[in-house]
N, C-alpha and C. Protein backbone atom coordinates (compact mmCIF):
# COMPACT_ATOMS: atom_id res chain seq x y z
N UNK A 1 66.31 -149.55 -107.21
CA UNK A 1 66.68 -148.92 -105.95
C UNK A 1 67.11 -147.58 -106.36
N UNK A 2 67.60 -147.23 -107.59
CA UNK A 2 67.83 -145.81 -107.89
C UNK A 2 66.68 -144.93 -107.86
N UNK A 3 65.68 -145.33 -108.50
CA UNK A 3 64.41 -144.55 -108.43
C UNK A 3 63.93 -144.32 -107.14
N UNK A 4 63.97 -145.28 -106.19
CA UNK A 4 63.50 -145.15 -104.82
C UNK A 4 64.50 -143.98 -104.19
N UNK A 5 66.02 -144.21 -104.41
CA UNK A 5 66.72 -143.25 -103.74
C UNK A 5 66.52 -141.73 -104.25
N UNK A 6 66.17 -141.66 -105.47
CA UNK A 6 65.81 -140.24 -105.98
C UNK A 6 64.54 -139.79 -105.34
N UNK A 7 63.66 -140.60 -105.18
CA UNK A 7 62.35 -140.41 -104.58
C UNK A 7 62.39 -139.99 -103.08
N UNK A 8 63.23 -140.84 -102.36
CA UNK A 8 63.31 -140.71 -101.01
C UNK A 8 64.19 -139.41 -100.73
N UNK A 9 65.20 -138.88 -101.42
CA UNK A 9 65.99 -137.87 -101.16
C UNK A 9 65.16 -136.48 -101.58
N UNK A 10 64.51 -136.56 -102.60
CA UNK A 10 63.71 -135.51 -103.16
C UNK A 10 62.24 -135.22 -102.48
N UNK A 11 61.69 -136.12 -101.82
CA UNK A 11 60.41 -136.02 -101.43
C UNK A 11 60.10 -135.01 -100.47
N UNK A 12 61.08 -134.88 -99.54
CA UNK A 12 60.92 -133.87 -98.40
C UNK A 12 61.58 -132.36 -98.72
N UNK A 13 62.22 -132.13 -99.81
CA UNK A 13 63.01 -131.03 -100.08
C UNK A 13 62.05 -130.14 -100.75
N UNK A 14 62.03 -128.87 -100.23
CA UNK A 14 61.13 -127.77 -100.93
C UNK A 14 61.72 -127.55 -102.43
N UNK A 15 60.74 -127.30 -103.33
CA UNK A 15 61.01 -127.16 -104.61
C UNK A 15 61.78 -128.37 -105.22
N UNK A 16 61.34 -129.52 -105.06
CA UNK A 16 62.01 -130.87 -105.23
C UNK A 16 62.10 -131.15 -106.71
N UNK A 17 60.92 -130.67 -107.47
CA UNK A 17 60.98 -130.99 -108.99
C UNK A 17 62.05 -130.40 -109.77
N UNK A 18 62.38 -129.18 -109.66
CA UNK A 18 63.64 -128.51 -110.40
C UNK A 18 64.67 -129.29 -109.84
N UNK A 19 65.05 -129.48 -108.76
CA UNK A 19 66.19 -130.07 -108.09
C UNK A 19 66.37 -131.50 -108.64
N UNK A 20 65.24 -132.13 -108.62
CA UNK A 20 65.36 -133.53 -109.22
C UNK A 20 65.66 -133.60 -110.67
N UNK A 21 64.88 -132.54 -111.32
CA UNK A 21 65.22 -132.31 -112.88
C UNK A 21 66.69 -132.25 -113.11
N UNK A 22 67.27 -131.33 -112.40
CA UNK A 22 68.81 -131.16 -112.43
C UNK A 22 69.53 -132.27 -112.33
N UNK A 23 69.25 -133.07 -111.23
CA UNK A 23 69.94 -134.28 -111.00
C UNK A 23 69.90 -135.15 -112.07
N UNK A 24 68.69 -135.47 -112.54
CA UNK A 24 68.35 -136.37 -113.76
C UNK A 24 69.09 -136.09 -115.00
N UNK A 25 69.35 -134.72 -115.29
CA UNK A 25 70.01 -134.19 -116.45
C UNK A 25 71.56 -134.53 -116.24
N UNK A 26 72.20 -134.37 -114.95
CA UNK A 26 73.38 -134.68 -114.64
C UNK A 26 73.80 -136.18 -114.95
N UNK A 27 72.83 -137.00 -114.39
CA UNK A 27 72.78 -138.60 -114.49
C UNK A 27 72.84 -138.78 -116.11
N UNK A 28 71.99 -138.16 -116.74
CA UNK A 28 72.06 -138.50 -118.23
C UNK A 28 73.35 -137.77 -118.93
N UNK A 29 73.78 -136.83 -118.65
CA UNK A 29 75.12 -136.54 -119.12
C UNK A 29 76.24 -137.34 -118.64
N UNK A 30 76.18 -137.86 -117.47
CA UNK A 30 77.29 -138.97 -117.14
C UNK A 30 76.96 -140.14 -118.03
N UNK A 31 75.85 -140.62 -118.23
CA UNK A 31 75.64 -141.78 -119.14
C UNK A 31 76.29 -141.62 -120.57
N UNK A 32 75.77 -140.21 -121.08
CA UNK A 32 76.28 -140.06 -122.65
C UNK A 32 77.75 -140.00 -122.63
N UNK A 33 78.54 -139.36 -121.46
CA UNK A 33 79.84 -139.40 -121.32
C UNK A 33 80.39 -140.77 -121.42
N UNK A 34 79.90 -141.85 -120.58
CA UNK A 34 80.23 -143.09 -120.54
C UNK A 34 80.10 -143.92 -121.80
N UNK A 35 78.99 -143.39 -122.44
CA UNK A 35 78.75 -144.10 -123.82
C UNK A 35 79.74 -143.68 -124.89
N UNK A 36 80.17 -142.34 -124.94
CA UNK A 36 81.10 -141.95 -125.56
C UNK A 36 82.51 -142.48 -125.53
N UNK A 37 82.77 -142.89 -124.14
CA UNK A 37 84.23 -143.38 -123.92
C UNK A 37 84.10 -144.91 -123.98
N UNK A 38 82.93 -145.42 -124.36
CA UNK A 38 82.83 -146.91 -124.65
C UNK A 38 82.73 -147.58 -123.49
N UNK A 39 82.53 -147.14 -122.34
CA UNK A 39 82.44 -147.81 -121.12
C UNK A 39 81.07 -148.48 -120.69
N UNK A 40 80.01 -147.86 -121.47
CA UNK A 40 78.58 -148.23 -121.15
C UNK A 40 77.99 -148.12 -122.59
N UNK A 41 77.13 -149.03 -122.64
CA UNK A 41 76.02 -149.21 -124.04
C UNK A 41 74.84 -149.64 -123.84
N UNK A 42 74.37 -149.86 -122.34
CA UNK A 42 73.17 -150.45 -122.05
C UNK A 42 72.11 -149.58 -121.75
N UNK A 43 72.34 -148.27 -122.23
CA UNK A 43 71.34 -147.11 -122.02
C UNK A 43 70.79 -147.03 -120.65
N UNK A 44 71.70 -147.06 -119.69
CA UNK A 44 70.97 -146.95 -118.20
C UNK A 44 71.85 -145.94 -117.46
N UNK A 45 70.98 -145.29 -116.41
CA UNK A 45 71.84 -144.47 -115.52
C UNK A 45 71.99 -145.40 -114.26
N UNK A 46 72.89 -145.30 -113.61
CA UNK A 46 73.38 -146.16 -112.51
C UNK A 46 73.31 -145.58 -111.24
N UNK A 47 73.24 -146.57 -110.19
CA UNK A 47 73.41 -146.02 -108.81
C UNK A 47 74.62 -145.49 -108.62
N UNK A 48 75.91 -146.11 -109.01
CA UNK A 48 77.17 -145.71 -108.99
C UNK A 48 77.43 -144.14 -109.49
N UNK A 49 76.63 -143.80 -110.54
CA UNK A 49 76.64 -142.52 -111.06
C UNK A 49 75.93 -141.49 -110.01
N UNK A 50 74.99 -141.97 -109.49
CA UNK A 50 74.06 -141.19 -108.52
C UNK A 50 74.97 -140.95 -107.32
N UNK A 51 75.57 -141.89 -106.84
CA UNK A 51 76.52 -141.87 -105.61
C UNK A 51 77.58 -140.93 -105.96
N UNK A 52 78.03 -141.05 -107.17
CA UNK A 52 79.30 -140.05 -107.62
C UNK A 52 78.87 -138.75 -107.58
N UNK A 53 77.57 -138.47 -108.05
CA UNK A 53 77.08 -137.01 -108.09
C UNK A 53 76.87 -136.41 -106.61
N UNK A 54 76.75 -137.47 -105.49
CA UNK A 54 76.68 -137.07 -104.28
C UNK A 54 75.04 -137.06 -103.94
N UNK A 55 74.09 -137.53 -104.79
CA UNK A 55 72.70 -137.44 -104.38
C UNK A 55 72.25 -136.26 -105.09
N UNK A 56 70.81 -136.01 -104.78
CA UNK A 56 70.09 -134.99 -105.43
C UNK A 56 70.67 -133.66 -105.05
N UNK A 57 70.82 -133.34 -103.61
CA UNK A 57 71.19 -132.01 -103.40
C UNK A 57 72.67 -131.69 -103.61
N UNK A 58 73.43 -132.74 -103.44
CA UNK A 58 74.84 -132.59 -103.74
C UNK A 58 75.29 -132.39 -105.11
N UNK A 59 74.34 -132.96 -105.97
CA UNK A 59 74.62 -132.61 -107.50
C UNK A 59 74.72 -131.23 -107.91
N UNK A 60 73.90 -130.39 -107.37
CA UNK A 60 73.98 -129.04 -107.58
C UNK A 60 75.12 -128.37 -107.14
N UNK A 61 75.61 -128.55 -105.74
CA UNK A 61 76.84 -127.87 -105.19
C UNK A 61 78.05 -128.54 -106.10
N UNK A 62 78.09 -129.75 -106.43
CA UNK A 62 79.19 -130.28 -107.23
C UNK A 62 79.22 -129.59 -108.50
N UNK A 63 78.23 -129.47 -109.16
CA UNK A 63 78.14 -128.60 -110.54
C UNK A 63 78.66 -127.22 -110.30
N UNK A 64 78.30 -126.53 -109.07
CA UNK A 64 78.95 -125.22 -108.81
C UNK A 64 80.39 -125.18 -108.61
N UNK A 65 80.92 -126.20 -107.92
CA UNK A 65 82.33 -126.35 -107.52
C UNK A 65 83.02 -126.47 -109.00
N UNK A 66 82.50 -127.31 -109.88
CA UNK A 66 83.11 -127.45 -111.05
C UNK A 66 83.15 -126.17 -111.79
N UNK A 67 81.94 -125.52 -112.00
CA UNK A 67 81.77 -124.20 -112.68
C UNK A 67 82.88 -123.33 -112.23
N UNK A 68 82.80 -123.10 -110.90
CA UNK A 68 83.83 -122.10 -110.25
C UNK A 68 85.32 -122.40 -110.66
N UNK A 69 85.70 -123.77 -110.50
CA UNK A 69 87.01 -124.06 -111.00
C UNK A 69 87.32 -123.76 -112.42
N UNK A 70 86.31 -123.97 -113.30
CA UNK A 70 86.48 -123.70 -114.75
C UNK A 70 86.56 -122.30 -114.78
N UNK A 71 85.92 -121.40 -114.28
CA UNK A 71 86.05 -119.92 -114.40
C UNK A 71 87.47 -119.34 -113.89
N UNK A 72 87.84 -119.92 -112.68
CA UNK A 72 89.17 -119.55 -112.25
C UNK A 72 90.18 -119.94 -113.07
N UNK A 73 90.18 -121.04 -113.82
CA UNK A 73 91.12 -121.53 -114.80
C UNK A 73 91.16 -120.78 -116.08
N UNK A 74 90.10 -119.95 -116.22
CA UNK A 74 89.76 -119.01 -117.42
C UNK A 74 90.27 -117.41 -117.03
N UNK A 75 91.00 -117.57 -115.80
CA UNK A 75 91.62 -116.31 -115.32
C UNK A 75 90.67 -115.18 -115.06
N UNK A 76 89.44 -115.92 -114.49
CA UNK A 76 88.56 -114.86 -113.92
C UNK A 76 88.94 -114.77 -112.40
N UNK A 77 88.95 -113.48 -111.90
CA UNK A 77 89.47 -113.37 -110.58
C UNK A 77 88.45 -113.84 -109.56
N UNK A 78 88.90 -114.56 -108.61
CA UNK A 78 87.95 -115.25 -107.85
C UNK A 78 86.87 -114.37 -107.10
N UNK A 79 87.59 -113.18 -106.70
CA UNK A 79 86.83 -112.22 -106.01
C UNK A 79 85.54 -111.74 -106.56
N UNK A 80 85.74 -111.63 -107.90
CA UNK A 80 84.58 -111.15 -108.92
C UNK A 80 83.55 -112.34 -108.83
N UNK A 81 83.93 -113.54 -108.73
CA UNK A 81 82.83 -114.60 -108.73
C UNK A 81 82.32 -114.56 -107.31
N UNK A 82 83.02 -114.35 -106.35
CA UNK A 82 82.47 -114.42 -105.01
C UNK A 82 81.50 -113.22 -104.69
N UNK A 83 81.90 -111.97 -105.39
CA UNK A 83 81.18 -110.69 -105.05
C UNK A 83 79.85 -110.90 -105.77
N UNK A 84 79.65 -111.76 -106.99
CA UNK A 84 78.58 -111.89 -107.68
C UNK A 84 77.73 -112.84 -107.14
N UNK A 85 78.20 -113.91 -106.63
CA UNK A 85 77.44 -115.03 -106.03
C UNK A 85 76.83 -114.36 -104.56
N UNK A 86 77.67 -113.82 -103.90
CA UNK A 86 77.06 -113.20 -102.47
C UNK A 86 76.02 -112.17 -102.69
N UNK A 87 76.08 -111.48 -104.00
CA UNK A 87 74.89 -110.65 -104.19
C UNK A 87 73.43 -111.38 -104.39
N UNK A 88 73.76 -112.58 -104.69
CA UNK A 88 72.52 -113.60 -105.05
C UNK A 88 72.21 -114.18 -103.63
N UNK A 89 72.48 -113.93 -102.40
CA UNK A 89 71.93 -114.56 -101.23
C UNK A 89 71.26 -113.45 -100.46
N UNK A 90 70.33 -114.00 -99.73
CA UNK A 90 69.54 -113.10 -98.76
C UNK A 90 69.47 -113.67 -97.45
N UNK A 91 69.08 -112.76 -96.47
CA UNK A 91 68.81 -113.32 -94.93
C UNK A 91 67.55 -112.89 -94.55
N UNK A 92 66.45 -114.01 -94.90
CA UNK A 92 65.04 -113.86 -94.61
C UNK A 92 64.92 -114.38 -93.25
N UNK A 93 64.63 -113.67 -92.20
CA UNK A 93 64.27 -114.23 -90.89
C UNK A 93 65.23 -115.09 -90.63
N UNK A 94 66.67 -114.69 -90.82
CA UNK A 94 67.60 -115.47 -90.25
C UNK A 94 68.07 -116.81 -91.09
N UNK A 95 67.08 -116.95 -92.05
CA UNK A 95 67.23 -118.05 -92.90
C UNK A 95 68.08 -117.53 -94.25
N UNK A 96 69.18 -118.37 -94.66
CA UNK A 96 69.80 -118.08 -95.91
C UNK A 96 69.00 -118.37 -97.08
N UNK A 97 68.57 -117.75 -98.04
CA UNK A 97 67.91 -117.95 -99.32
C UNK A 97 68.48 -117.55 -100.39
N UNK A 98 67.93 -117.60 -101.68
CA UNK A 98 68.40 -117.39 -102.78
C UNK A 98 67.73 -115.73 -103.14
N UNK A 99 68.40 -114.82 -103.90
CA UNK A 99 67.92 -113.50 -104.13
C UNK A 99 67.85 -113.20 -105.52
N UNK A 100 66.98 -112.66 -106.03
CA UNK A 100 66.76 -112.37 -107.50
C UNK A 100 67.39 -110.97 -107.60
N UNK A 101 68.49 -110.94 -108.53
CA UNK A 101 69.16 -109.67 -108.59
C UNK A 101 69.15 -108.87 -110.01
N UNK A 102 68.68 -107.82 -109.88
CA UNK A 102 68.52 -107.18 -111.07
C UNK A 102 69.93 -106.84 -111.60
N UNK A 103 69.97 -106.97 -113.06
CA UNK A 103 71.28 -107.09 -113.73
C UNK A 103 71.95 -105.56 -113.54
N UNK A 104 70.99 -104.65 -113.20
CA UNK A 104 71.58 -103.21 -112.97
C UNK A 104 72.56 -103.35 -111.90
N UNK A 105 72.27 -104.03 -110.93
CA UNK A 105 73.20 -104.07 -109.75
C UNK A 105 74.46 -104.88 -110.03
N UNK A 106 74.56 -105.42 -111.45
CA UNK A 106 75.81 -106.23 -111.65
C UNK A 106 76.51 -105.59 -112.71
N UNK A 107 76.45 -104.18 -112.80
CA UNK A 107 77.29 -103.45 -113.80
C UNK A 107 78.25 -102.90 -112.95
N UNK A 108 79.65 -103.00 -113.63
CA UNK A 108 80.80 -102.46 -113.10
C UNK A 108 81.61 -101.82 -114.12
N UNK A 109 82.63 -101.15 -113.63
CA UNK A 109 83.67 -100.26 -114.74
C UNK A 109 84.19 -101.68 -115.52
N UNK A 110 84.61 -101.18 -116.77
CA UNK A 110 85.31 -102.13 -117.57
C UNK A 110 86.91 -102.12 -116.98
N UNK A 111 87.44 -102.99 -117.20
CA UNK A 111 87.37 -104.47 -117.84
C UNK A 111 86.61 -105.46 -116.61
N UNK A 112 86.29 -105.05 -115.61
CA UNK A 112 85.80 -105.95 -114.55
C UNK A 112 84.28 -106.36 -115.25
N UNK A 113 83.60 -105.69 -115.84
CA UNK A 113 82.39 -105.77 -116.25
C UNK A 113 82.34 -107.03 -117.27
N UNK A 114 83.28 -107.00 -117.93
CA UNK A 114 83.47 -108.33 -118.87
C UNK A 114 83.68 -109.59 -118.26
N UNK A 115 84.31 -109.57 -117.03
CA UNK A 115 84.39 -110.68 -116.31
C UNK A 115 83.25 -111.07 -115.66
N UNK A 116 82.30 -110.04 -115.12
CA UNK A 116 81.31 -110.38 -114.61
C UNK A 116 80.24 -110.97 -115.56
N UNK A 117 80.29 -110.45 -116.70
CA UNK A 117 79.24 -111.18 -117.74
C UNK A 117 79.77 -112.64 -117.98
N UNK A 118 81.09 -112.77 -118.21
CA UNK A 118 81.59 -114.26 -118.34
C UNK A 118 81.10 -115.21 -117.23
N UNK A 119 81.08 -114.59 -116.05
CA UNK A 119 80.74 -115.47 -114.70
C UNK A 119 79.38 -115.98 -114.84
N UNK A 120 78.59 -114.75 -115.09
CA UNK A 120 77.11 -115.01 -115.20
C UNK A 120 76.75 -115.79 -116.35
N UNK A 121 77.44 -115.98 -117.49
CA UNK A 121 77.22 -116.72 -118.65
C UNK A 121 77.57 -118.11 -118.26
N UNK A 122 78.64 -118.37 -117.61
CA UNK A 122 79.09 -119.67 -117.23
C UNK A 122 78.22 -120.26 -116.19
N UNK A 123 77.88 -119.69 -115.20
CA UNK A 123 76.82 -120.11 -114.15
C UNK A 123 75.31 -120.41 -114.93
N UNK A 124 75.01 -119.61 -115.88
CA UNK A 124 73.73 -119.85 -116.43
C UNK A 124 73.89 -121.03 -117.39
N UNK A 125 74.94 -121.07 -118.22
CA UNK A 125 75.25 -122.22 -119.14
C UNK A 125 75.30 -123.66 -118.34
N UNK A 126 75.76 -123.60 -117.16
CA UNK A 126 75.85 -124.77 -116.25
C UNK A 126 74.40 -125.13 -115.53
N UNK A 127 73.52 -124.17 -115.74
CA UNK A 127 72.07 -124.37 -115.22
C UNK A 127 72.12 -124.05 -113.79
N UNK A 128 72.85 -123.16 -113.31
CA UNK A 128 72.93 -123.03 -111.90
C UNK A 128 72.35 -121.58 -111.54
N UNK A 129 72.22 -120.65 -112.31
CA UNK A 129 71.59 -119.39 -112.44
C UNK A 129 70.65 -119.33 -113.53
N UNK A 130 69.55 -118.69 -113.20
CA UNK A 130 68.70 -118.37 -114.38
C UNK A 130 68.59 -116.88 -114.63
N UNK A 131 68.20 -116.64 -115.73
CA UNK A 131 68.13 -115.10 -116.15
C UNK A 131 66.77 -114.82 -116.72
N UNK A 132 66.21 -113.86 -116.35
CA UNK A 132 64.85 -113.43 -117.19
C UNK A 132 64.33 -112.11 -116.87
N UNK A 133 63.26 -111.77 -117.07
CA UNK A 133 62.68 -110.46 -116.84
C UNK A 133 61.51 -110.75 -115.80
N UNK A 134 61.52 -109.56 -114.80
CA UNK A 134 60.61 -109.51 -113.78
C UNK A 134 59.07 -108.84 -114.23
N UNK A 135 58.36 -108.72 -113.46
CA UNK A 135 57.11 -108.18 -113.81
C UNK A 135 57.04 -106.84 -114.37
N UNK A 136 58.08 -105.99 -113.95
CA UNK A 136 58.28 -104.66 -114.49
C UNK A 136 59.18 -104.71 -115.75
N UNK A 137 59.69 -105.67 -116.09
CA UNK A 137 60.53 -105.91 -117.45
C UNK A 137 61.86 -105.54 -117.21
N UNK A 138 62.38 -105.61 -116.03
CA UNK A 138 63.57 -105.58 -115.61
C UNK A 138 64.52 -106.97 -115.84
N UNK A 139 65.57 -107.05 -116.28
CA UNK A 139 66.38 -108.28 -116.33
C UNK A 139 66.93 -108.54 -114.96
N UNK A 140 67.02 -109.67 -114.70
CA UNK A 140 67.49 -110.16 -113.41
C UNK A 140 68.04 -111.62 -113.53
N UNK A 141 68.99 -112.08 -112.72
CA UNK A 141 69.55 -113.38 -112.52
C UNK A 141 69.28 -113.85 -111.12
N UNK A 142 69.16 -115.06 -110.85
CA UNK A 142 69.23 -115.78 -109.63
C UNK A 142 69.49 -117.19 -109.59
N UNK A 143 69.91 -117.63 -108.50
CA UNK A 143 70.25 -119.10 -108.45
C UNK A 143 69.07 -119.86 -108.50
N UNK A 144 69.23 -121.03 -109.11
CA UNK A 144 68.26 -121.91 -109.48
C UNK A 144 67.36 -122.56 -108.54
N UNK A 145 68.10 -122.73 -107.29
CA UNK A 145 67.52 -123.53 -106.26
C UNK A 145 68.14 -122.91 -104.80
N UNK A 146 67.32 -122.86 -103.87
CA UNK A 146 67.78 -122.36 -102.54
C UNK A 146 68.91 -123.52 -101.90
N UNK A 147 68.95 -124.70 -102.64
CA UNK A 147 69.82 -125.68 -102.29
C UNK A 147 71.24 -125.34 -102.70
N UNK A 148 71.35 -124.60 -103.61
CA UNK A 148 72.70 -124.09 -104.06
C UNK A 148 73.05 -122.94 -103.11
N UNK A 149 72.33 -122.17 -102.62
CA UNK A 149 72.69 -121.21 -101.65
C UNK A 149 73.15 -121.77 -100.34
N UNK A 150 72.28 -122.74 -99.76
CA UNK A 150 72.39 -123.24 -98.45
C UNK A 150 73.39 -124.49 -98.44
N UNK A 151 73.73 -125.11 -99.59
CA UNK A 151 74.56 -126.16 -99.56
C UNK A 151 75.88 -126.06 -100.10
N UNK A 152 76.24 -124.99 -100.90
CA UNK A 152 77.39 -124.88 -101.58
C UNK A 152 78.38 -124.28 -100.57
N UNK A 153 79.48 -125.08 -100.20
CA UNK A 153 80.37 -124.80 -99.15
C UNK A 153 81.22 -123.58 -99.33
N UNK A 154 81.62 -123.41 -100.59
CA UNK A 154 82.37 -122.19 -101.10
C UNK A 154 81.62 -120.97 -100.67
N UNK A 155 80.34 -121.07 -100.99
CA UNK A 155 79.56 -119.80 -100.87
C UNK A 155 79.31 -119.61 -99.46
N UNK A 156 79.05 -120.69 -98.57
CA UNK A 156 78.87 -120.34 -97.21
C UNK A 156 80.26 -119.83 -96.50
N UNK A 157 81.31 -120.23 -97.02
CA UNK A 157 82.57 -119.71 -96.36
C UNK A 157 82.70 -118.24 -96.66
N UNK A 158 82.43 -117.85 -98.03
CA UNK A 158 82.43 -116.55 -98.49
C UNK A 158 81.46 -115.70 -97.78
N UNK A 159 80.23 -116.09 -97.41
CA UNK A 159 79.29 -115.59 -96.68
C UNK A 159 79.66 -115.29 -95.29
N UNK A 160 80.20 -116.21 -94.65
CA UNK A 160 80.70 -116.14 -93.25
C UNK A 160 81.74 -115.02 -93.00
N UNK A 161 82.75 -114.86 -94.06
CA UNK A 161 83.78 -114.00 -93.92
C UNK A 161 83.30 -112.51 -94.31
N UNK A 162 82.14 -112.57 -95.17
CA UNK A 162 81.74 -111.04 -95.54
C UNK A 162 80.37 -110.84 -94.99
N UNK A 163 79.83 -111.44 -93.97
CA UNK A 163 78.52 -111.26 -93.58
C UNK A 163 78.35 -109.79 -93.08
N UNK A 164 79.10 -109.08 -92.37
CA UNK A 164 78.84 -107.88 -91.96
C UNK A 164 78.89 -106.78 -93.08
N UNK A 165 79.59 -106.85 -94.05
CA UNK A 165 79.55 -106.01 -95.38
C UNK A 165 78.41 -106.32 -96.15
N UNK A 166 77.93 -107.58 -96.24
CA UNK A 166 76.55 -107.94 -96.91
C UNK A 166 75.58 -107.48 -96.24
N UNK A 167 75.18 -107.33 -95.16
CA UNK A 167 74.21 -106.79 -94.29
C UNK A 167 74.15 -105.36 -94.59
N UNK A 168 75.29 -104.60 -94.62
CA UNK A 168 75.48 -103.17 -94.86
C UNK A 168 75.03 -102.94 -96.22
N UNK A 169 75.48 -103.80 -97.18
CA UNK A 169 75.22 -103.65 -98.56
C UNK A 169 73.63 -103.70 -98.87
N UNK A 170 73.05 -104.68 -98.26
CA UNK A 170 71.51 -104.84 -98.24
C UNK A 170 70.84 -103.61 -97.74
N UNK A 171 71.32 -102.95 -96.78
CA UNK A 171 70.48 -101.67 -96.31
C UNK A 171 70.99 -100.63 -97.29
N UNK A 172 72.20 -100.48 -97.86
CA UNK A 172 72.50 -99.30 -98.60
C UNK A 172 71.87 -99.36 -100.10
N UNK A 173 71.73 -100.65 -100.63
CA UNK A 173 71.33 -100.67 -102.03
C UNK A 173 70.06 -100.12 -102.35
N UNK A 174 68.89 -100.09 -101.56
CA UNK A 174 67.71 -99.43 -101.89
C UNK A 174 67.95 -97.88 -101.70
N UNK A 175 68.91 -97.38 -100.68
CA UNK A 175 68.96 -96.11 -100.71
C UNK A 175 69.56 -95.52 -101.80
N UNK A 176 70.67 -96.28 -102.41
CA UNK A 176 71.39 -95.92 -103.58
C UNK A 176 70.48 -95.62 -104.95
N UNK A 177 69.70 -96.52 -104.93
CA UNK A 177 68.74 -96.66 -106.07
C UNK A 177 67.75 -95.48 -105.84
């Protein structure tokens, strides 16, 4: 039943394989935790674990919530987290999508820059952001999947509150560069 539930949920999702891979790794981590606690020793992932994750799409947003709370507990200012994540969304044809952000756009004066780097490292370590080099050799970071951008309620609330300034920022960034 679990295999069928995973397939049914992922089959119609764009970019299903990375999303399914993330969910399976989260299920495996739940199994390892249960094994360490001595509550499971049968080498299985369960339907209950899947439901606790909230399914394929919700597993990503739950991980984002968990990472966000962890960073706030580490005394990272929530507005820094918000600003970084809002830079990673785009409004293409009215649709909300992820945006590849050159790391040069994420450089701030100290000591804010140290917190920015901790936020990026935290989300990368949680496998919610990817970092790499583009075709021109510039470093970038971006959300791992559009499901994070379209499904993470915290980010959607931030977007709604800051939409006007985000649109202005998108127009000014190329001119500033």
